[in-house]
Amino acid sequence: MSQATELKKQQDAQNVIYEAARTLYEELKVLRQQVKAELELLQAETTFQSEKVTTLTECIADTLTKQWEGMTDLLKTETTSIAEAASKEFKEVNDQLVQLHEWTKKKIEQETQDQINSDTTIKEAGEAALKNIASLKRKLRDPEDPLSTASTKRQRPPPDTTRHSRQQSENSSPPLTKKKPWNVPQPDKYDRSSAKLKAFLNDVATVFEPMPVTYETANDRILCVGAVLTDSAKTWYLANEQKRKPDPLSGWTVWVTYKDFLKDFIAIYENTNEVREAKRNLQMEYQKSGKRIKDYVSRIRTYNMLATLPQEQLWECLITVLQVDIREYMKHVNKDSLDLAPASPEMCFQAIINAGIDIENEKQHEQ
């Protein structure tokens, strides 16, 4: 009896376990279907998003490709237009340079031919004059006898060609030579000192002024300056010496005048700080009350030796800070107005000095 009860209990327990397992199985089956459905939904959504992303990527790629192609075409067009414009401008400039070269070449050839023609004309005129002189000398040396007939005329001896050639060489004037006077001292050697630049250029000008024939051309003057340069100044001159000679291709000369050479020379060796300081002093200078006009102009002249202002700016500096009575006097004398500067810096200084002296004499006379 007890065994049957025990078996029944075990059977009931197994049934309960079986029912629980069956219920759990059913729940798991339902849960599995739900998970499967959710997976299918998620997969479908993922596929949709992937297709959307792919489509969007393709659209972006197409847009970027079109923009890149458009920018590339635009750059090609701009580059082509710039290259064509540059080529056209280069061609125009080259044509102008060729025309200028041809014009310069023809001008030089024409001037050379004119000079040759002039020399030939002078030479022919000289030879004709020498022949006339020789003929007159022969007539004076061998006059004809007016009483003699044609049959009894004295025969003239043949002309002495040796004497004629000697007379011709004596009558022809020797060519002019550039003589160098011994009483003009040569300028001192110059290296690169900016403090000695003004004095050196003044010494060079002192050499040129009494010898206009010796230093007639710009090339003569440049060679004279180059001969007295030393150290780094000599090195600079030798490196730029070709500027005084015509270029073999274009025929141009950079240092056409002596002023062109001085412009490059001063730009290298002048002290820019001193020049800047001199210009600043010129702008700050004024005529103090009771001071003589000559003292004021002397200070301006000293500053301008370094500043080297053009006469327009120099005139403005001189006029602006003058005393009122001198400025009014100049305005009264100068009918045109004070805005018109004289033709040179020295004329600017002299005009101020003359007006100032007149005012000073008038004040002294009144006192």
Protein backbone atom coordinates (compact mmCIF):
# COMPACT_ATOMS: atom_id res chain seq x y z
CA MET A 1 0.00 0.00 0.00
CA SER A 2 2.75 2.37 0.86
CA GLN A 3 4.63 1.49 -2.32
CA ALA A 4 1.60 2.22 -4.50
CA THR A 5 1.17 5.55 -2.75
CA GLU A 6 4.83 6.33 -3.26
CA LEU A 7 4.62 5.46 -6.96
CA LYS A 8 1.56 7.59 -7.36
CA LYS A 9 3.31 10.50 -5.73
CA GLN A 10 6.23 10.05 -8.06
CA GLN A 11 3.93 9.82 -11.04
CA ASP A 12 2.07 12.96 -9.95
CA ALA A 13 5.37 14.75 -9.51
CA GLN A 14 6.51 13.68 -12.97
CA ASN A 15 3.21 14.85 -14.42
CA VAL A 16 3.64 18.21 -12.77
CA ILE A 17 7.18 18.44 -14.10
CA TYR A 18 6.04 17.40 -17.52
CA GLU A 19 3.27 19.99 -17.52
CA ALA A 20 5.70 22.64 -16.37
CA ALA A 21 8.18 21.62 -19.06
CA ARG A 22 5.45 21.60 -21.65
CA THR A 23 4.28 25.04 -20.60
CA LEU A 24 7.85 26.31 -20.66
CA TYR A 25 8.32 24.76 -24.07
CA GLU A 26 5.22 26.49 -25.36
CA GLU A 27 6.37 29.79 -23.93
CA LEU A 28 9.81 29.31 -25.46
CA LYS A 29 8.19 28.44 -28.77
CA VAL A 30 6.12 31.62 -28.68
CA LEU A 31 9.15 33.65 -27.59
CA ARG A 32 11.19 32.09 -30.41
CA GLN A 33 8.55 33.10 -32.93
CA GLN A 34 8.53 36.63 -31.54
CA VAL A 35 12.32 36.83 -31.70
CA LYS A 36 12.22 35.47 -35.25
CA ALA A 37 9.64 38.04 -36.22
CA GLU A 38 11.65 40.82 -34.63
CA LEU A 39 14.79 39.57 -36.37
CA GLU A 40 13.01 39.54 -39.70
CA LEU A 41 11.71 43.05 -39.04
CA LEU A 42 15.15 44.25 -38.00
CA GLN A 43 16.71 42.61 -41.02
CA ALA A 44 14.17 44.23 -43.31
CA GLU A 45 14.77 47.60 -41.67
CA THR A 46 18.53 47.11 -41.90
CA THR A 47 18.24 46.22 -45.56
CA PHE A 48 16.11 49.32 -46.14
CA GLN A 49 18.59 51.55 -44.31
CA SER A 50 21.48 49.98 -46.19
CA GLU A 51 19.75 50.59 -49.50
CA LYS A 52 18.97 54.15 -48.40
CA VAL A 53 22.58 54.75 -47.37
CA THR A 54 23.78 53.27 -50.67
CA THR A 55 21.42 55.48 -52.64
CA LEU A 56 22.43 58.54 -50.64
CA THR A 57 26.12 57.72 -51.13
CA GLU A 58 25.63 57.36 -54.85
CA CYS A 59 23.80 60.70 -54.97
CA ILE A 60 26.57 62.42 -53.02
CA ALA A 61 29.22 60.78 -55.23
CA ASP A 62 27.39 61.91 -58.38
CA THR A 63 27.04 65.45 -57.05
CA LEU A 64 30.68 65.66 -56.04
CA THR A 65 31.75 64.24 -59.38
CA LYS A 66 29.67 66.81 -61.26
CA GLN A 67 31.01 69.63 -59.09
CA TRP A 68 34.59 68.42 -59.56
CA GLU A 69 34.10 68.16 -63.32
CA GLY A 70 32.58 71.66 -63.34
CA MET A 71 35.46 73.10 -61.30
CA THR A 72 37.97 71.29 -63.51
CA ASP A 73 36.38 72.69 -66.65
CA LEU A 74 36.30 76.16 -65.09
CA LEU A 75 39.95 75.92 -64.08
CA LYS A 76 40.88 74.72 -67.54
CA THR A 77 38.97 77.60 -69.10
CA GLU A 78 40.51 80.18 -66.74
CA THR A 79 44.00 78.74 -67.21
CA THR A 80 43.59 78.74 -70.97
CA SER A 81 42.34 82.33 -70.98
CA ILE A 82 45.16 83.48 -68.68
CA ALA A 83 47.73 81.66 -70.79
CA GLU A 84 46.30 83.16 -73.96
CA ALA A 85 46.26 86.65 -72.44
CA ALA A 86 49.82 86.25 -71.16
CA SER A 87 50.95 84.92 -74.52
CA LYS A 88 49.24 87.80 -76.31
CA GLU A 89 50.76 90.38 -73.96
CA PHE A 90 54.19 88.76 -74.26
CA LYS A 91 53.87 88.81 -78.04
CA GLU A 92 52.89 92.50 -78.00
CA VAL A 93 55.79 93.38 -75.71
CA ASN A 94 58.16 91.30 -77.80
CA ASP A 95 56.93 93.02 -80.97
CA GLN A 96 57.44 96.40 -79.33
CA LEU A 97 60.94 95.40 -78.24
CA VAL A 98 61.74 94.17 -81.73
CA GLN A 99 60.41 97.41 -83.24
CA LEU A 100 62.38 99.45 -80.74
CA HIS A 101 65.50 97.42 -81.48
CA GLU A 102 65.02 97.88 -85.22
CA TRP A 103 64.35 101.60 -84.77
CA THR A 104 67.44 102.00 -82.56
CA LYS A 105 69.54 100.01 -85.01
CA LYS A 106 68.33 102.11 -87.96
CA LYS A 107 68.85 105.28 -85.94
CA ILE A 108 72.43 104.30 -85.10
CA GLU A 109 73.09 103.25 -88.70
CA GLN A 110 71.62 106.52 -89.97
CA GLU A 111 73.67 108.59 -87.53
CA THR A 112 76.79 106.61 -88.43
CA GLN A 113 76.11 107.10 -92.14
CA ASP A 114 75.45 110.81 -91.62
CA GLN A 115 78.70 111.08 -89.70
CA ILE A 116 80.56 109.24 -92.46
CA ASN A 117 78.96 111.46 -95.10
CA SER A 118 79.83 114.54 -93.08
CA ASP A 119 83.41 113.37 -92.65
CA THR A 120 83.60 112.57 -96.37
CA THR A 121 82.24 116.00 -97.28
CA ILE A 122 84.70 117.71 -94.97
CA LYS A 123 87.52 115.58 -96.35
CA GLU A 124 86.57 116.37 -99.97
CA ALA A 125 86.28 120.08 -99.18
CA GLY A 126 89.71 119.98 -97.51
CA GLU A 127 91.26 118.19 -100.47
CA ALA A 128 89.69 120.66 -102.89
CA ALA A 129 90.99 123.56 -100.81
CA LEU A 130 94.46 122.01 -100.74
CA LYS A 131 94.37 121.58 -104.53
CA ASN A 132 93.34 125.21 -105.00
CA ILE A 133 96.12 126.36 -102.67
CA ALA A 134 98.66 124.23 -104.56
CA SER A 135 97.43 125.59 -107.88
CA LEU A 136 97.69 129.17 -106.66
CA LYS A 137 101.18 128.48 -105.36
CA ARG A 138 102.23 127.08 -108.74
CA LYS A 139 100.83 130.11 -110.52
CA LEU A 140 102.68 132.44 -108.18
CA ARG A 141 105.87 130.44 -108.57
CA ASP A 142 105.70 130.12 -112.40
CA PRO A 143 103.87 133.20 -113.83
CA GLU A 144 103.22 133.31 -117.61
CA ASP A 145 105.09 135.87 -119.76
CA PRO A 146 102.46 138.18 -121.26
CA LEU A 147 104.83 139.21 -124.16
CA SER A 148 105.50 135.67 -125.30
CA THR A 149 103.40 133.96 -127.93
CA ALA A 150 101.93 130.54 -127.75
CA SER A 151 104.89 129.12 -129.64
CA THR A 152 107.51 130.85 -127.49
CA LYS A 153 105.97 130.26 -124.08
CA ARG A 154 108.31 128.89 -121.50
CA GLN A 155 107.55 125.31 -120.68
CA ARG A 156 106.67 124.76 -117.04
CA PRO A 157 108.54 122.06 -115.18
CA PRO A 158 106.50 119.11 -114.01
CA PRO A 159 104.95 119.61 -110.61
CA ASP A 160 106.92 118.39 -107.64
CA THR A 161 104.67 115.69 -106.23
CA THR A 162 106.89 115.31 -103.19
CA ARG A 163 106.58 118.98 -102.35
CA HIS A 164 102.83 118.90 -103.00
CA SER A 165 102.33 115.96 -100.66
CA ARG A 166 104.52 117.64 -98.05
CA GLN A 167 102.54 120.87 -98.33
CA GLN A 168 99.31 118.93 -98.13
CA SER A 169 100.43 117.17 -94.96
CA GLU A 170 101.59 120.46 -93.47
CA ASN A 171 98.34 122.27 -94.31
CA SER A 172 96.14 119.50 -92.93
CA SER A 173 95.39 120.20 -89.30
CA PRO A 174 96.26 117.45 -86.80
CA PRO A 175 93.36 115.73 -85.02
CA LEU A 176 92.28 117.14 -81.71
CA THR A 177 93.63 115.20 -78.77
CA LYS A 178 92.27 115.24 -75.25
CA LYS A 179 94.90 116.95 -73.18
CA LYS A 180 94.90 116.58 -69.47
CA PRO A 181 96.11 119.62 -67.54
CA TRP A 182 98.59 118.85 -64.79
CA ASN A 183 97.31 121.48 -62.37
CA VAL A 184 94.03 119.63 -61.59
CA PRO A 185 94.44 117.19 -58.66
CA GLN A 186 92.95 113.74 -58.97
CA PRO A 187 90.26 112.70 -56.44
CA ASP A 188 91.25 110.50 -53.52
CA LYS A 189 90.59 106.77 -53.56
CA TYR A 190 87.11 105.75 -52.48
CA ASP A 191 86.24 102.42 -50.86
CA ARG A 192 82.67 102.34 -49.56
CA SER A 193 82.44 104.91 -46.75
CA SER A 194 79.07 106.67 -46.87
CA ALA A 195 80.52 109.57 -44.84
CA LYS A 196 83.03 110.30 -47.63
CA LEU A 197 80.56 109.88 -50.49
CA LYS A 198 79.54 113.54 -50.86
CA ALA A 199 83.15 114.74 -50.61
CA PHE A 200 84.26 112.15 -53.17
CA LEU A 201 81.56 113.12 -55.68
CA ASN A 202 82.41 116.80 -55.16
CA ASP A 203 86.11 116.07 -55.85
CA VAL A 204 85.14 114.19 -59.01
CA ALA A 205 82.98 117.10 -60.18
CA THR A 206 85.93 119.42 -59.50
CA VAL A 207 88.03 117.30 -61.85
CA PHE A 208 85.38 117.23 -64.61
CA GLU A 209 84.53 120.93 -64.63
CA PRO A 210 87.85 122.41 -65.89
CA MET A 211 88.33 119.62 -68.44
CA PRO A 212 85.15 119.43 -70.55
CA VAL A 213 87.04 118.08 -73.59
CA THR A 214 88.86 115.33 -71.71
CA TYR A 215 85.69 114.16 -69.93
CA GLU A 216 83.20 115.01 -72.66
CA THR A 217 81.25 111.73 -72.76
CA ALA A 218 79.56 109.78 -70.01
CA ASN A 219 81.89 106.84 -70.68
CA ASP A 220 84.95 109.03 -70.01
CA ARG A 221 83.54 110.17 -66.69
CA ILE A 222 82.51 106.68 -65.60
CA LEU A 223 85.98 105.35 -66.42
CA CYS A 224 87.54 108.17 -64.40
CA VAL A 225 85.42 107.31 -61.34
CA GLY A 226 86.09 103.58 -61.75
CA ALA A 227 89.83 104.20 -61.81
CA VAL A 228 89.84 105.66 -58.26
CA LEU A 229 87.57 103.08 -56.62
CA THR A 230 89.02 100.50 -54.23
CA ASP A 231 87.96 97.51 -52.11
CA SER A 232 84.26 96.67 -52.28
CA ALA A 233 83.49 99.75 -54.38
CA LYS A 234 85.91 98.47 -57.02
CA THR A 235 84.29 95.04 -56.84
CA TRP A 236 80.85 96.57 -57.38
CA TYR A 237 82.14 98.59 -60.34
CA LEU A 238 83.75 95.58 -62.02
CA ALA A 239 80.55 93.56 -61.53
CA ASN A 240 78.46 96.30 -63.20
CA GLU A 241 80.98 97.56 -65.76
CA GLN A 242 79.03 96.05 -68.67
CA LYS A 243 76.26 98.61 -68.06
CA ARG A 244 78.36 101.30 -69.71
CA LYS A 245 78.76 99.22 -72.89
CA PRO A 246 76.04 98.48 -75.49
CA ASP A 247 74.32 95.14 -75.06
CA PRO A 248 75.37 92.78 -77.90
CA LEU A 249 71.80 91.59 -78.49
CA SER A 250 69.62 94.68 -78.07
CA GLY A 251 72.23 97.40 -78.48
CA TRP A 252 70.95 99.17 -75.36
CA THR A 253 73.16 100.85 -72.78
CA VAL A 254 72.05 101.04 -69.14
CA TRP A 255 74.43 103.85 -68.17
CA VAL A 256 73.60 106.11 -71.10
CA THR A 257 74.46 109.26 -69.13
CA TYR A 258 76.74 109.97 -66.21
CA LYS A 259 73.63 110.72 -64.16
CA ASP A 260 72.43 107.12 -64.67
CA PHE A 261 75.72 105.85 -63.26
CA LEU A 262 75.54 108.23 -60.29
CA LYS A 263 71.99 107.08 -59.53
CA ASP A 264 73.09 103.45 -59.11
CA PHE A 265 76.33 104.42 -57.35
CA ILE A 266 74.65 106.68 -54.78
CA ALA A 267 71.85 104.16 -54.17
CA ILE A 268 74.47 101.57 -53.14
CA TYR A 269 76.77 103.65 -50.95
CA GLU A 270 74.73 106.48 -49.48
CA ASN A 271 73.70 106.22 -45.82
CA THR A 272 69.92 105.93 -45.91
CA ASN A 273 69.70 106.77 -42.21
CA GLU A 274 71.51 110.06 -42.76
CA VAL A 275 69.29 110.86 -45.73
CA ARG A 276 66.17 110.02 -43.74
CA GLU A 277 67.39 112.15 -40.83
CA ALA A 278 68.18 115.06 -43.15
CA LYS A 279 64.69 114.90 -44.68
CA ARG A 280 63.15 114.84 -41.21
CA ASN A 281 65.23 117.87 -40.17
CA LEU A 282 64.12 119.68 -43.31
CA GLN A 283 60.48 119.12 -42.42
CA MET A 284 61.03 120.30 -38.82
CA GLU A 285 63.22 123.32 -39.64
CA TYR A 286 61.67 126.81 -39.45
CA GLN A 287 62.87 130.41 -39.39
CA LYS A 288 63.06 131.51 -35.80
CA SER A 289 62.06 135.01 -34.83
CA GLY A 290 64.93 137.49 -34.98
CA LYS A 291 67.24 135.12 -36.86
CA ARG A 292 68.88 136.19 -40.11
CA ILE A 293 67.53 134.76 -43.33
CA LYS A 294 71.04 133.66 -44.40
CA ASP A 295 71.37 131.47 -41.29
CA TYR A 296 68.03 129.82 -41.99
CA VAL A 297 68.88 129.17 -45.65
CA SER A 298 72.34 127.88 -44.67
CA ARG A 299 70.81 125.23 -42.41
CA ILE A 300 68.35 124.21 -45.13
CA ARG A 301 71.17 124.04 -47.66
CA THR A 302 73.23 121.83 -45.31
CA TYR A 303 70.36 119.38 -44.80
CA ASN A 304 69.56 119.33 -48.50
CA MET A 305 73.10 118.26 -49.35
CA LEU A 306 72.10 114.83 -48.02
CA ALA A 307 68.36 114.89 -48.69
CA THR A 308 68.72 116.21 -52.30
CA LEU A 309 65.05 117.15 -52.54
CA PRO A 310 63.64 118.23 -55.91
CA GLN A 311 63.08 121.96 -56.24
CA GLU A 312 59.29 121.57 -55.80
CA GLN A 313 59.59 119.89 -52.39
CA LEU A 314 62.51 122.11 -51.38
CA TRP A 315 60.53 125.22 -52.30
CA GLU A 316 57.59 123.99 -50.23
CA CYS A 317 59.86 123.40 -47.21
CA LEU A 318 61.40 126.85 -47.58
CA ILE A 319 58.16 128.76 -48.06
CA THR A 320 55.95 127.03 -45.49
CA VAL A 321 57.94 127.96 -42.37
CA LEU A 322 59.09 131.43 -43.41
CA GLN A 323 58.17 134.44 -41.33
CA VAL A 324 54.87 135.98 -42.34
CA ASP A 325 56.30 139.32 -43.50
CA ILE A 326 58.84 137.66 -45.81
CA ARG A 327 56.22 135.35 -47.27
CA GLU A 328 53.81 138.25 -47.86
CA TYR A 329 56.60 140.26 -49.47
CA MET A 330 57.43 137.38 -51.83
CA LYS A 331 53.76 136.91 -52.67
CA HIS A 332 53.56 140.60 -53.54
CA VAL A 333 56.72 140.49 -55.66
CA ASN A 334 55.94 137.17 -57.33
CA LYS A 335 52.84 137.91 -59.30
CA ASP A 336 52.35 134.29 -60.39
CA SER A 337 52.10 132.97 -56.76
CA LEU A 338 54.37 131.10 -54.43
CA ASP A 339 53.14 127.71 -55.65
CA LEU A 340 55.43 127.87 -58.70
CA ALA A 341 58.93 126.76 -57.69
CA PRO A 342 62.05 128.21 -59.36
CA ALA A 343 63.91 126.17 -61.94
CA SER A 344 66.68 124.87 -59.64
CA PRO A 345 67.43 124.41 -55.91
CA GLU A 346 70.03 127.19 -56.02
CA MET A 347 67.45 129.59 -57.47
CA CYS A 348 65.10 128.59 -54.62
CA PHE A 349 67.76 129.52 -52.04
CA GLN A 350 68.61 132.77 -53.79
CA ALA A 351 64.98 133.87 -54.05
CA ILE A 352 64.47 133.34 -50.31
CA ILE A 353 67.72 135.14 -49.45
CA ASN A 354 66.90 138.15 -51.65
CA ALA A 355 63.45 138.56 -50.15
CA GLY A 356 64.73 138.10 -46.59
CA ILE A 357 67.52 140.65 -47.07
CA ASP A 358 65.04 143.21 -48.42
CA ILE A 359 62.79 142.76 -45.38
CA GLU A 360 65.74 142.90 -42.97
CA ASN A 361 67.07 146.10 -44.58
CA GLU A 362 63.61 147.65 -44.43
CA LYS A 363 63.27 146.83 -40.72
CA GLN A 364 66.75 148.18 -40.02
CA HIS A 365 65.93 151.38 -41.90
CA GLU A 366 62.73 151.84 -39.87
CA GLN A 367 64.64 151.39 -36.61
